[in-house]
Each structure stands twice: as structure tokens, then as C-alpha cells.
Amino acid sequence: LAISVVIAILSWLGHYGWSSLQTRQIEGFSAFGLNAAVAVLGFW
């Protein structure tokens, strides 16, 4: 939930020019990586 809220806020800010496209891509890939790590930890 925290990852989802943070990435939603960051993407909303990115739509209004607060960050570059490259920064937004890094944010998205990082959020996906964190989400995948949480899911893998859930396997235990």
C-alpha cells in the first residue's frame, strides 16, 4: 500500500513537470522492484 501511494503521488507530480522522464522511469522500475521483493518475501 505504501509503495502504491508513493508511486501514485510521484507519477502525478511527474505529469505536471516536477521530474524528468528519466527520473520517472527510475521511480517506476524501483517501485516495481520493491513490490516484487515484498511479494517474494511473502512466499515465506
PDB file of all heavy atoms in Angstrom:
ATOM      1  N   LEU A   1       0.829  -1.199   0.000  1.00  0.00           N
ATOM      2  CA  LEU A   1       0.000   0.000   0.000  1.00  0.00           C
ATOM      3  C   LEU A   1       0.869   1.258   0.000  1.00  0.00           C
ATOM      4  O   LEU A   1       0.600   2.206  -0.746  1.00  0.00           O
ATOM      5  CB  LEU A   1      -0.945  -0.004   1.207  1.00  0.00           C
ATOM      6  CG  LEU A   1      -1.943   1.129   1.293  1.00  0.00           C
ATOM      7  CD1 LEU A   1      -2.861   1.114   0.081  1.00  0.00           C
ATOM      8  CD2 LEU A   1      -2.753   1.020   2.560  1.00  0.00           C
ATOM      9  N   ALA A   2       1.926   1.257   0.802  1.00  0.00           N
ATOM     10  CA  ALA A   2       2.821   2.407   0.856  1.00  0.00           C
ATOM     11  C   ALA A   2       3.515   2.631  -0.487  1.00  0.00           C
ATOM     12  O   ALA A   2       3.612   3.772  -0.966  1.00  0.00           O
ATOM     13  CB  ALA A   2       3.860   2.208   1.956  1.00  0.00           C
ATOM     14  N   ILE A   3       3.988   1.563  -1.115  1.00  0.00           N
ATOM     15  CA  ILE A   3       4.629   1.680  -2.431  1.00  0.00           C
ATOM     16  C   ILE A   3       3.640   2.238  -3.442  1.00  0.00           C
ATOM     17  O   ILE A   3       3.976   3.123  -4.239  1.00  0.00           O
ATOM     18  CB  ILE A   3       5.176   0.315  -2.888  1.00  0.00           C
ATOM     19  CG1 ILE A   3       6.325  -0.135  -1.991  1.00  0.00           C
ATOM     20  CG2 ILE A   3       5.638   0.366  -4.342  1.00  0.00           C
ATOM     21  CD1 ILE A   3       6.718  -1.590  -2.184  1.00  0.00           C
ATOM     22  N   SER A   4       2.417   1.753  -3.416  1.00  0.00           N
ATOM     23  CA  SER A   4       1.391   2.201  -4.365  1.00  0.00           C
ATOM     24  C   SER A   4       1.074   3.679  -4.188  1.00  0.00           C
ATOM     25  O   SER A   4       0.955   4.418  -5.169  1.00  0.00           O
ATOM     26  CB  SER A   4       0.123   1.374  -4.202  1.00  0.00           C
ATOM     27  OG  SER A   4       0.378   0.034  -4.499  1.00  0.00           O
ATOM     28  N   VAL A   5       0.929   4.115  -2.954  1.00  0.00           N
ATOM     29  CA  VAL A   5       0.598   5.518  -2.688  1.00  0.00           C
ATOM     30  C   VAL A   5       1.752   6.426  -3.111  1.00  0.00           C
ATOM     31  O   VAL A   5       1.540   7.449  -3.773  1.00  0.00           O
ATOM     32  CB  VAL A   5       0.236   5.717  -1.201  1.00  0.00           C
ATOM     33  CG1 VAL A   5       0.159   7.191  -0.851  1.00  0.00           C
ATOM     34  CG2 VAL A   5      -1.069   5.023  -0.875  1.00  0.00           C
ATOM     35  N   VAL A   6       2.972   6.039  -2.754  1.00  0.00           N
ATOM     36  CA  VAL A   6       4.130   6.871  -3.107  1.00  0.00           C
ATOM     37  C   VAL A   6       4.291   6.978  -4.616  1.00  0.00           C
ATOM     38  O   VAL A   6       4.503   8.072  -5.150  1.00  0.00           O
ATOM     39  CB  VAL A   6       5.416   6.313  -2.441  1.00  0.00           C
ATOM     40  CG1 VAL A   6       6.660   6.968  -3.009  1.00  0.00           C
ATOM     41  CG2 VAL A   6       5.353   6.504  -0.943  1.00  0.00           C
ATOM     42  N   ILE A   7       4.185   5.880  -5.336  1.00  0.00           N
ATOM     43  CA  ILE A   7       4.362   5.940  -6.786  1.00  0.00           C
ATOM     44  C   ILE A   7       3.212   6.693  -7.447  1.00  0.00           C
ATOM     45  O   ILE A   7       3.414   7.380  -8.462  1.00  0.00           O
ATOM     46  CB  ILE A   7       4.580   4.539  -7.397  1.00  0.00           C
ATOM     47  CG1 ILE A   7       5.216   4.657  -8.798  1.00  0.00           C
ATOM     48  CG2 ILE A   7       3.303   3.764  -7.496  1.00  0.00           C
ATOM     49  CD1 ILE A   7       6.565   5.229  -8.830  1.00  0.00           C
ATOM     50  N   ALA A   8       2.010   6.610  -6.902  1.00  0.00           N
ATOM     51  CA  ALA A   8       0.891   7.380  -7.456  1.00  0.00           C
ATOM     52  C   ALA A   8       1.142   8.876  -7.294  1.00  0.00           C
ATOM     53  O   ALA A   8       0.902   9.662  -8.223  1.00  0.00           O
ATOM     54  CB  ALA A   8      -0.417   6.979  -6.785  1.00  0.00           C
ATOM     55  N   ILE A   9       1.634   9.277  -6.133  1.00  0.00           N
ATOM     56  CA  ILE A   9       1.929  10.696  -5.897  1.00  0.00           C
ATOM     57  C   ILE A   9       3.071  11.160  -6.805  1.00  0.00           C
ATOM     58  O   ILE A   9       2.995  12.221  -7.425  1.00  0.00           O
ATOM     59  CB  ILE A   9       2.274  10.935  -4.414  1.00  0.00           C
ATOM     60  CG1 ILE A   9       1.017  10.742  -3.559  1.00  0.00           C
ATOM     61  CG2 ILE A   9       2.854  12.334  -4.201  1.00  0.00           C
ATOM     62  CD1 ILE A   9       1.282  10.702  -2.069  1.00  0.00           C
ATOM     63  N   LEU A  10       4.128  10.361  -6.902  1.00  0.00           N
ATOM     64  CA  LEU A  10       5.260  10.737  -7.749  1.00  0.00           C
ATOM     65  C   LEU A  10       4.874  10.819  -9.224  1.00  0.00           C
ATOM     66  O   LEU A  10       5.326  11.720  -9.938  1.00  0.00           O
ATOM     67  CB  LEU A  10       6.414   9.754  -7.559  1.00  0.00           C
ATOM     68  CG  LEU A  10       7.141   9.817  -6.219  1.00  0.00           C
ATOM     69  CD1 LEU A  10       8.169   8.707  -6.121  1.00  0.00           C
ATOM     70  CD2 LEU A  10       7.786  11.176  -6.022  1.00  0.00           C
ATOM     71  N   SER A  11       4.032   9.910  -9.685  1.00  0.00           N
ATOM     72  CA  SER A  11       3.623   9.964 -11.090  1.00  0.00           C
ATOM     73  C   SER A  11       2.705  11.156 -11.341  1.00  0.00           C
ATOM     74  O   SER A  11       2.780  11.802 -12.387  1.00  0.00           O
ATOM     75  CB  SER A  11       2.966   8.663 -11.529  1.00  0.00           C
ATOM     76  OG  SER A  11       1.773   8.447 -10.839  1.00  0.00           O
ATOM     77  N   TRP A  12       1.862  11.483 -10.379  1.00  0.00           N
ATOM     78  CA  TRP A  12       1.006  12.660 -10.502  1.00  0.00           C
ATOM     79  C   TRP A  12       1.852  13.925 -10.591  1.00  0.00           C
ATOM     80  O   TRP A  12       1.602  14.801 -11.427  1.00  0.00           O
ATOM     81  CB  TRP A  12       0.047  12.723  -9.316  1.00  0.00           C
ATOM     82  CG  TRP A  12      -0.905  13.876  -9.373  1.00  0.00           C
ATOM     83  CD1 TRP A  12      -2.031  13.969 -10.136  1.00  0.00           C
ATOM     84  CD2 TRP A  12      -0.804  15.098  -8.650  1.00  0.00           C
ATOM     85  NE1 TRP A  12      -2.638  15.177  -9.917  1.00  0.00           N
ATOM     86  CE2 TRP A  12      -1.907  15.894  -9.010  1.00  0.00           C
ATOM     87  CE3 TRP A  12       0.105  15.589  -7.730  1.00  0.00           C
ATOM     88  CZ2 TRP A  12      -2.111  17.150  -8.481  1.00  0.00           C
ATOM     89  CZ3 TRP A  12      -0.100  16.848  -7.208  1.00  0.00           C
ATOM     90  CH2 TRP A  12      -1.200  17.611  -7.581  1.00  0.00           C
ATOM     91  N   LEU A  13       2.870  14.011  -9.733  1.00  0.00           N
ATOM     92  CA  LEU A  13       3.769  15.167  -9.786  1.00  0.00           C
ATOM     93  C   LEU A  13       4.548  15.201 -11.097  1.00  0.00           C
ATOM     94  O   LEU A  13       4.805  16.267 -11.648  1.00  0.00           O
ATOM     95  CB  LEU A  13       4.738  15.139  -8.597  1.00  0.00           C
ATOM     96  CG  LEU A  13       4.129  15.392  -7.222  1.00  0.00           C
ATOM     97  CD1 LEU A  13       5.173  15.190  -6.138  1.00  0.00           C
ATOM     98  CD2 LEU A  13       3.542  16.789  -7.150  1.00  0.00           C
ATOM     99  N   GLY A  14       4.915  14.041 -11.604  1.00  0.00           N
ATOM    100  CA  GLY A  14       5.640  13.968 -12.867  1.00  0.00           C
ATOM    101  C   GLY A  14       4.824  14.462 -14.041  1.00  0.00           C
ATOM    102  O   GLY A  14       5.366  15.033 -14.989  1.00  0.00           O
ATOM    103  N   HIS A  15       3.515  14.263 -13.991  1.00  0.00           N
ATOM    104  CA  HIS A  15       2.642  14.746 -15.070  1.00  0.00           C
ATOM    105  C   HIS A  15       2.648  16.267 -15.153  1.00  0.00           C
ATOM    106  O   HIS A  15       2.351  16.834 -16.198  1.00  0.00           O
ATOM    107  CB  HIS A  15       1.210  14.250 -14.880  1.00  0.00           C
ATOM    108  CG  HIS A  15       1.032  12.807 -15.168  1.00  0.00           C
ATOM    109  ND1 HIS A  15       1.346  12.238 -16.374  1.00  0.00           N
ATOM    110  CD2 HIS A  15       0.556  11.803 -14.395  1.00  0.00           C
ATOM    111  CE1 HIS A  15       1.089  10.943 -16.331  1.00  0.00           C
ATOM    112  NE2 HIS A  15       0.604  10.657 -15.137  1.00  0.00           N
ATOM    113  N   TYR A  16       2.945  16.914 -14.049  1.00  0.00           N
ATOM    114  CA  TYR A  16       2.948  18.372 -14.020  1.00  0.00           C
ATOM    115  C   TYR A  16       4.355  18.949 -14.084  1.00  0.00           C
ATOM    116  O   TYR A  16       4.583  20.090 -13.696  1.00  0.00           O
ATOM    117  CB  TYR A  16       2.209  18.872 -12.780  1.00  0.00           C
ATOM    118  CG  TYR A  16       0.744  18.527 -12.856  1.00  0.00           C
ATOM    119  CD1 TYR A  16       0.234  17.443 -12.144  1.00  0.00           C
ATOM    120  CD2 TYR A  16      -0.111  19.248 -13.668  1.00  0.00           C
ATOM    121  CE1 TYR A  16      -1.109  17.105 -12.247  1.00  0.00           C
ATOM    122  CE2 TYR A  16      -1.450  18.921 -13.776  1.00  0.00           C
ATOM    123  CZ  TYR A  16      -1.931  17.846 -13.058  1.00  0.00           C
ATOM    124  OH  TYR A  16      -3.255  17.517 -13.171  1.00  0.00           O
ATOM    125  N   GLY A  17       5.311  18.137 -14.562  1.00  0.00           N
ATOM    126  CA  GLY A  17       6.646  18.638 -14.844  1.00  0.00           C
ATOM    127  C   GLY A  17       7.579  18.766 -13.667  1.00  0.00           C
ATOM    128  O   GLY A  17       8.573  19.475 -13.736  1.00  0.00           O
ATOM    129  N   TRP A  18       7.308  18.079 -12.576  1.00  0.00           N
ATOM    130  CA  TRP A  18       8.172  18.174 -11.404  1.00  0.00           C
ATOM    131  C   TRP A  18       9.404  17.285 -11.510  1.00  0.00           C
ATOM    132  O   TRP A  18      10.312  17.413 -10.710  1.00  0.00           O
ATOM    133  CB  TRP A  18       7.386  17.814 -10.151  1.00  0.00           C
ATOM    134  CG  TRP A  18       6.414  18.880  -9.753  1.00  0.00           C
ATOM    135  CD1 TRP A  18       5.457  19.443 -10.535  1.00  0.00           C
ATOM    136  CD2 TRP A  18       6.320  19.520  -8.494  1.00  0.00           C
ATOM    137  NE1 TRP A  18       4.762  20.377  -9.848  1.00  0.00           N
ATOM    138  CE2 TRP A  18       5.268  20.445  -8.577  1.00  0.00           C
ATOM    139  CE3 TRP A  18       7.002  19.391  -7.303  1.00  0.00           C
ATOM    140  CZ2 TRP A  18       4.903  21.251  -7.514  1.00  0.00           C
ATOM    141  CZ3 TRP A  18       6.630  20.187  -6.239  1.00  0.00           C
ATOM    142  CH2 TRP A  18       5.592  21.106  -6.354  1.00  0.00           C
ATOM    143  N   SER A  19       9.397  16.353 -12.459  1.00  0.00           N
ATOM    144  CA  SER A  19      10.557  15.476 -12.640  1.00  0.00           C
ATOM    145  C   SER A  19      10.687  15.115 -14.117  1.00  0.00           C
ATOM    146  O   SER A  19       9.721  15.173 -14.877  1.00  0.00           O
ATOM    147  CB  SER A  19      10.427  14.209 -11.788  1.00  0.00           C
ATOM    148  OG  SER A  19       9.272  13.488 -12.139  1.00  0.00           O
ATOM    149  N   SER A  20      11.902  14.747 -14.491  1.00  0.00           N
ATOM    150  CA  SER A  20      12.159  14.403 -15.888  1.00  0.00           C
ATOM    151  C   SER A  20      11.637  13.002 -16.190  1.00  0.00           C
ATOM    152  O   SER A  20      11.314  12.223 -15.284  1.00  0.00           O
ATOM    153  CB  SER A  20      13.658  14.469 -16.171  1.00  0.00           C
ATOM    154  OG  SER A  20      14.327  13.435 -15.471  1.00  0.00           O
ATOM    155  N   LEU A  21      11.590  12.680 -17.474  1.00  0.00           N
ATOM    156  CA  LEU A  21      11.133  11.354 -17.892  1.00  0.00           C
ATOM    157  C   LEU A  21      12.049  10.270 -17.350  1.00  0.00           C
ATOM    158  O   LEU A  21      11.585   9.226 -16.880  1.00  0.00           O
ATOM    159  CB  LEU A  21      11.049  11.280 -19.416  1.00  0.00           C
ATOM    160  CG  LEU A  21      10.640   9.932 -20.002  1.00  0.00           C
ATOM    161  CD1 LEU A  21       9.250   9.540 -19.514  1.00  0.00           C
ATOM    162  CD2 LEU A  21      10.681   9.972 -21.513  1.00  0.00           C
ATOM    163  N   GLN A  22      13.356  10.504 -17.384  1.00  0.00           N
ATOM    164  CA  GLN A  22      14.306   9.514 -16.873  1.00  0.00           C
ATOM    165  C   GLN A  22      14.095   9.274 -15.376  1.00  0.00           C
ATOM    166  O   GLN A  22      14.122   8.138 -14.916  1.00  0.00           O
ATOM    167  CB  GLN A  22      15.733   9.961 -17.141  1.00  0.00           C
ATOM    168  CG  GLN A  22      16.755   8.928 -16.741  1.00  0.00           C
ATOM    169  CD  GLN A  22      18.171   9.371 -17.061  1.00  0.00           C
ATOM    170  OE1 GLN A  22      18.421  10.538 -17.345  1.00  0.00           O
ATOM    171  NE2 GLN A  22      19.093   8.444 -17.008  1.00  0.00           N
ATOM    172  N   THR A  23      13.854  10.325 -14.626  1.00  0.00           N
ATOM    173  CA  THR A  23      13.589  10.179 -13.190  1.00  0.00           C
ATOM    174  C   THR A  23      12.313   9.381 -12.959  1.00  0.00           C
ATOM    175  O   THR A  23      12.266   8.513 -12.085  1.00  0.00           O
ATOM    176  CB  THR A  23      13.470  11.561 -12.535  1.00  0.00           C
ATOM    177  OG1 THR A  23      14.667  12.300 -12.787  1.00  0.00           O
ATOM    178  CG2 THR A  23      13.246  11.453 -11.043  1.00  0.00           C
ATOM    179  N   ARG A  24      11.292   9.642 -13.748  1.00  0.00           N
ATOM    180  CA  ARG A  24      10.035   8.914 -13.613  1.00  0.00           C
ATOM    181  C   ARG A  24      10.207   7.441 -13.949  1.00  0.00           C
ATOM    182  O   ARG A  24       9.588   6.577 -13.321  1.00  0.00           O
ATOM    183  CB  ARG A  24       8.962   9.555 -14.485  1.00  0.00           C
ATOM    184  CG  ARG A  24       8.579  10.935 -13.971  1.00  0.00           C
ATOM    185  CD  ARG A  24       7.686  11.683 -14.916  1.00  0.00           C
ATOM    186  NE  ARG A  24       6.440  10.978 -15.115  1.00  0.00           N
ATOM    187  CZ  ARG A  24       5.599  11.268 -16.084  1.00  0.00           C
ATOM    188  NH1 ARG A  24       5.862  12.237 -16.926  1.00  0.00           N
ATOM    189  NH2 ARG A  24       4.484  10.590 -16.213  1.00  0.00           N
ATOM    190  N   GLN A  25      11.048   7.135 -14.950  1.00  0.00           N
ATOM    191  CA  GLN A  25      11.315   5.742 -15.294  1.00  0.00           C
ATOM    192  C   GLN A  25      12.035   5.038 -14.150  1.00  0.00           C
ATOM    193  O   GLN A  25      11.689   3.897 -13.798  1.00  0.00           O
ATOM    194  CB  GLN A  25      12.146   5.660 -16.573  1.00  0.00           C
ATOM    195  CG  GLN A  25      11.377   6.027 -17.807  1.00  0.00           C
ATOM    196  CD  GLN A  25      12.264   6.112 -19.036  1.00  0.00           C
ATOM    197  OE1 GLN A  25      13.455   6.365 -18.942  1.00  0.00           O
ATOM    198  NE2 GLN A  25      11.662   5.900 -20.201  1.00  0.00           N
ATOM    199  N   ILE A  26      12.997   5.697 -13.562  1.00  0.00           N
ATOM    200  CA  ILE A  26      13.724   5.114 -12.423  1.00  0.00           C
ATOM    201  C   ILE A  26      12.777   4.885 -11.255  1.00  0.00           C
ATOM    202  O   ILE A  26      12.832   3.842 -10.585  1.00  0.00           O
ATOM    203  CB  ILE A  26      14.911   6.010 -12.028  1.00  0.00           C
ATOM    204  CG1 ILE A  26      15.961   5.987 -13.135  1.00  0.00           C
ATOM    205  CG2 ILE A  26      15.508   5.590 -10.697  1.00  0.00           C
ATOM    206  CD1 ILE A  26      17.061   7.020 -12.973  1.00  0.00           C
ATOM    207  N   GLU A  27      11.891   5.845 -11.008  1.00  0.00           N
ATOM    208  CA  GLU A  27      10.902   5.688  -9.931  1.00  0.00           C
ATOM    209  C   GLU A  27      10.012   4.476 -10.179  1.00  0.00           C
ATOM    210  O   GLU A  27       9.743   3.687  -9.266  1.00  0.00           O
ATOM    211  CB  GLU A  27      10.036   6.943  -9.818  1.00  0.00           C
ATOM    212  CG  GLU A  27      10.758   8.157  -9.330  1.00  0.00           C
ATOM    213  CD  GLU A  27       9.967   9.436  -9.536  1.00  0.00           C
ATOM    214  OE1 GLU A  27       8.888   9.413 -10.187  1.00  0.00           O
ATOM    215  OE2 GLU A  27      10.427  10.485  -9.066  1.00  0.00           O
ATOM    216  N   GLY A  28       9.537   4.321 -11.416  1.00  0.00           N
ATOM    217  CA  GLY A  28       8.650   3.200 -11.743  1.00  0.00           C
ATOM    218  C   GLY A  28       9.341   1.854 -11.617  1.00  0.00           C
ATOM    219  O   GLY A  28       8.794   0.912 -11.032  1.00  0.00           O
ATOM    220  N   PHE A  29      10.552   1.745 -12.151  1.00  0.00           N
ATOM    221  CA  PHE A  29      11.285   0.484 -12.048  1.00  0.00           C
ATOM    222  C   PHE A  29      11.643   0.167 -10.595  1.00  0.00           C
ATOM    223  O   PHE A  29      11.597  -0.992 -10.173  1.00  0.00           O
ATOM    224  CB  PHE A  29      12.551   0.512 -12.915  1.00  0.00           C
ATOM    225  CG  PHE A  29      12.284   0.419 -14.381  1.00  0.00           C
ATOM    226  CD1 PHE A  29      12.813   1.341 -15.259  1.00  0.00           C
ATOM    227  CD2 PHE A  29      11.487  -0.594 -14.899  1.00  0.00           C
ATOM    228  CE1 PHE A  29      12.567   1.259 -16.625  1.00  0.00           C
ATOM    229  CE2 PHE A  29      11.226  -0.693 -16.256  1.00  0.00           C
ATOM    230  CZ  PHE A  29      11.772   0.244 -17.118  1.00  0.00           C
ATOM    231  N   SER A  30      11.989   1.200  -9.824  1.00  0.00           N
ATOM    232  CA  SER A  30      12.308   0.982  -8.414  1.00  0.00           C
ATOM    233  C   SER A  30      11.079   0.511  -7.641  1.00  0.00           C
ATOM    234  O   SER A  30      11.164  -0.397  -6.802  1.00  0.00           O
ATOM    235  CB  SER A  30      12.849   2.268  -7.788  1.00  0.00           C
ATOM    236  OG  SER A  30      14.023   2.663  -8.422  1.00  0.00           O
ATOM    237  N   ALA A  31       9.933   1.130  -7.925  1.00  0.00           N
ATOM    238  CA  ALA A  31       8.697   0.719  -7.248  1.00  0.00           C
ATOM    239  C   ALA A  31       8.337  -0.713  -7.619  1.00  0.00           C
ATOM    240  O   ALA A  31       7.927  -1.500  -6.754  1.00  0.00           O
ATOM    241  CB  ALA A  31       7.556   1.669  -7.607  1.00  0.00           C
ATOM    242  N   PHE A  32       8.493  -1.070  -8.893  1.00  0.00           N
ATOM    243  CA  PHE A  32       8.215  -2.448  -9.288  1.00  0.00           C
ATOM    244  C   PHE A  32       9.169  -3.405  -8.599  1.00  0.00           C
ATOM    245  O   PHE A  32       8.757  -4.471  -8.129  1.00  0.00           O
ATOM    246  CB  PHE A  32       8.310  -2.613 -10.808  1.00  0.00           C
ATOM    247  CG  PHE A  32       8.134  -4.043 -11.240  1.00  0.00           C
ATOM    248  CD1 PHE A  32       6.877  -4.632 -11.206  1.00  0.00           C
ATOM    249  CD2 PHE A  32       9.219  -4.807 -11.635  1.00  0.00           C
ATOM    250  CE1 PHE A  32       6.708  -5.961 -11.570  1.00  0.00           C
ATOM    251  CE2 PHE A  32       9.052  -6.128 -12.011  1.00  0.00           C
ATOM    252  CZ  PHE A  32       7.799  -6.708 -11.981  1.00  0.00           C
ATOM    253  N   GLY A  33      10.445  -3.046  -8.514  1.00  0.00           N
ATOM    254  CA  GLY A  33      11.415  -3.899  -7.832  1.00  0.00           C
ATOM    255  C   GLY A  33      11.090  -4.089  -6.362  1.00  0.00           C
ATOM    256  O   GLY A  33      11.171  -5.200  -5.836  1.00  0.00           O
ATOM    257  N   LEU A  34      10.723  -3.005  -5.689  1.00  0.00           N
ATOM    258  CA  LEU A  34      10.325  -3.112  -4.285  1.00  0.00           C
ATOM    259  C   LEU A  34       9.076  -3.963  -4.124  1.00  0.00           C
ATOM    260  O   LEU A  34       8.972  -4.782  -3.202  1.00  0.00           O
ATOM    261  CB  LEU A  34      10.085  -1.720  -3.692  1.00  0.00           C
ATOM    262  CG  LEU A  34      11.312  -0.880  -3.410  1.00  0.00           C
ATOM    263  CD1 LEU A  34      10.887   0.536  -3.033  1.00  0.00           C
ATOM    264  CD2 LEU A  34      12.138  -1.504  -2.305  1.00  0.00           C
ATOM    265  N   ASN A  35       8.115  -3.774  -5.015  1.00  0.00           N
ATOM    266  CA  ASN A  35       6.883  -4.564  -4.983  1.00  0.00           C
ATOM    267  C   ASN A  35       7.189  -6.046  -5.181  1.00  0.00           C
ATOM    268  O   ASN A  35       6.636  -6.906  -4.484  1.00  0.00           O
ATOM    269  CB  ASN A  35       5.922  -4.054  -6.048  1.00  0.00           C
ATOM    270  CG  ASN A  35       4.592  -4.741  -5.994  1.00  0.00           C
ATOM    271  OD1 ASN A  35       3.962  -4.788  -4.942  1.00  0.00           O
ATOM    272  ND2 ASN A  35       4.153  -5.278  -7.113  1.00  0.00           N
ATOM    273  N   ALA A  36       8.072  -6.356  -6.144  1.00  0.00           N
ATOM    274  CA  ALA A  36       8.451  -7.753  -6.384  1.00  0.00           C
ATOM    275  C   ALA A  36       9.178  -8.332  -5.179  1.00  0.00           C
ATOM    276  O   ALA A  36       8.944  -9.493  -4.811  1.00  0.00           O
ATOM    277  CB  ALA A  36       9.312  -7.851  -7.638  1.00  0.00           C
ATOM    278  N   ALA A  37      10.038  -7.542  -4.550  1.00  0.00           N
ATOM    279  CA  ALA A  37      10.755  -8.020  -3.363  1.00  0.00           C
ATOM    280  C   ALA A  37       9.784  -8.334  -2.225  1.00  0.00           C
ATOM    281  O   ALA A  37       9.927  -9.353  -1.538  1.00  0.00           O
ATOM    282  CB  ALA A  37      11.782  -6.980  -2.920  1.00  0.00           C
ATOM    283  N   VAL A  38       8.790  -7.475  -2.035  1.00  0.00           N
ATOM    284  CA  VAL A  38       7.782  -7.729  -0.990  1.00  0.00           C
ATOM    285  C   VAL A  38       7.006  -9.008  -1.308  1.00  0.00           C
ATOM    286  O   VAL A  38       6.752  -9.828  -0.422  1.00  0.00           O
ATOM    287  CB  VAL A  38       6.831  -6.516  -0.856  1.00  0.00           C
ATOM    288  CG1 VAL A  38       5.640  -6.856   0.018  1.00  0.00           C
ATOM    289  CG2 VAL A  38       7.572  -5.325  -0.298  1.00  0.00           C
ATOM    290  N   ALA A  39       6.644  -9.193  -2.585  1.00  0.00           N
ATOM    291  CA  ALA A  39       5.905 -10.400  -2.975  1.00  0.00           C
ATOM    292  C   ALA A  39       6.744 -11.651  -2.762  1.00  0.00           C
ATOM    293  O   ALA A  39       6.241 -12.669  -2.276  1.00  0.00           O
ATOM    294  CB  ALA A  39       5.466 -10.300  -4.431  1.00  0.00           C
ATOM    295  N   VAL A  40       8.020 -11.594  -3.106  1.00  0.00           N
ATOM    296  CA  VAL A  40       8.898 -12.758  -2.910  1.00  0.00           C
ATOM    297  C   VAL A  40       9.071 -13.048  -1.427  1.00  0.00           C
ATOM    298  O   VAL A  40       9.070 -14.212  -1.002  1.00  0.00           O
ATOM    299  CB  VAL A  40      10.259 -12.535  -3.614  1.00  0.00           C
ATOM    300  CG1 VAL A  40      11.265 -13.587  -3.201  1.00  0.00           C
ATOM    301  CG2 VAL A  40      10.073 -12.541  -5.124  1.00  0.00           C
ATOM    302  N   LEU A  41       9.214 -12.009  -0.610  1.00  0.00           N
ATOM    303  CA  LEU A  41       9.302 -12.225   0.840  1.00  0.00           C
ATOM    304  C   LEU A  41       8.017 -12.849   1.385  1.00  0.00           C
ATOM    305  O   LEU A  41       8.052 -13.587   2.366  1.00  0.00           O
ATOM    306  CB  LEU A  41       9.597 -10.915   1.555  1.00  0.00           C
ATOM    307  CG  LEU A  41      11.002 -10.361   1.372  1.00  0.00           C
ATOM    308  CD1 LEU A  41      11.116  -8.982   2.005  1.00  0.00           C
ATOM    309  CD2 LEU A  41      12.042 -11.307   1.951  1.00  0.00           C
ATOM    310  N   GLY A  42       6.903 -12.563   0.732  1.00  0.00           N
ATOM    311  CA  GLY A  42       5.626 -13.156   1.140  1.00  0.00           C
ATOM    312  C   GLY A  42       5.564 -14.655   0.913  1.00  0.00           C
ATOM    313  O   GLY A  42       4.715 -15.346   1.488  1.00  0.00           O
ATOM    314  N   PHE A  43       6.465 -15.196   0.087  1.00  0.00           N
ATOM    315  CA  PHE A  43       6.487 -16.643  -0.146  1.00  0.00           C
ATOM    316  C   PHE A  43       6.832 -17.415   1.130  1.00  0.00           C
ATOM    317  O   PHE A  43       6.545 -18.599   1.227  1.00  0.00           O
ATOM    318  CB  PHE A  43       7.499 -17.017  -1.230  1.00  0.00           C
ATOM    319  CG  PHE A  43       7.126 -16.558  -2.618  1.00  0.00           C
ATOM    320  CD1 PHE A  43       8.062 -16.559  -3.622  1.00  0.00           C
ATOM    321  CD2 PHE A  43       5.849 -16.120  -2.939  1.00  0.00           C
ATOM    322  CE1 PHE A  43       7.750 -16.149  -4.902  1.00  0.00           C
ATOM    323  CE2 PHE A  43       5.516 -15.707  -4.202  1.00  0.00           C
ATOM    324  CZ  PHE A  43       6.470 -15.717  -5.194  1.00  0.00           C
ATOM    325  N   TRP A  44       7.456 -16.762   2.118  1.00  0.00           N
ATOM    326  CA  TRP A  44       7.831 -17.442   3.356  1.00  0.00           C
ATOM    327  C   TRP A  44       6.782 -17.267   4.449  1.00  0.00           C
ATOM    328  O   TRP A  44       7.048 -17.535   5.612  1.00  0.00           O
ATOM    329  CB  TRP A  44       9.185 -16.925   3.835  1.00  0.00           C
ATOM    330  CG  TRP A  44      10.304 -17.536   3.064  1.00  0.00           C
ATOM    331  CD1 TRP A  44      10.903 -18.732   3.325  1.00  0.00           C
ATOM    332  CD2 TRP A  44      10.927 -17.023   1.897  1.00  0.00           C
ATOM    333  NE1 TRP A  44      11.860 -18.978   2.383  1.00  0.00           N
ATOM    334  CE2 TRP A  44      11.903 -17.950   1.489  1.00  0.00           C
ATOM    335  CE3 TRP A  44      10.763 -15.875   1.136  1.00  0.00           C
ATOM    336  CZ2 TRP A  44      12.702 -17.747   0.375  1.00  0.00           C
ATOM    337  CZ3 TRP A  44      11.556 -15.679   0.035  1.00  0.00           C
ATOM    338  CH2 TRP A  44      12.515 -16.618  -0.336  1.00  0.00           C
TER     339      TRP A  44
END
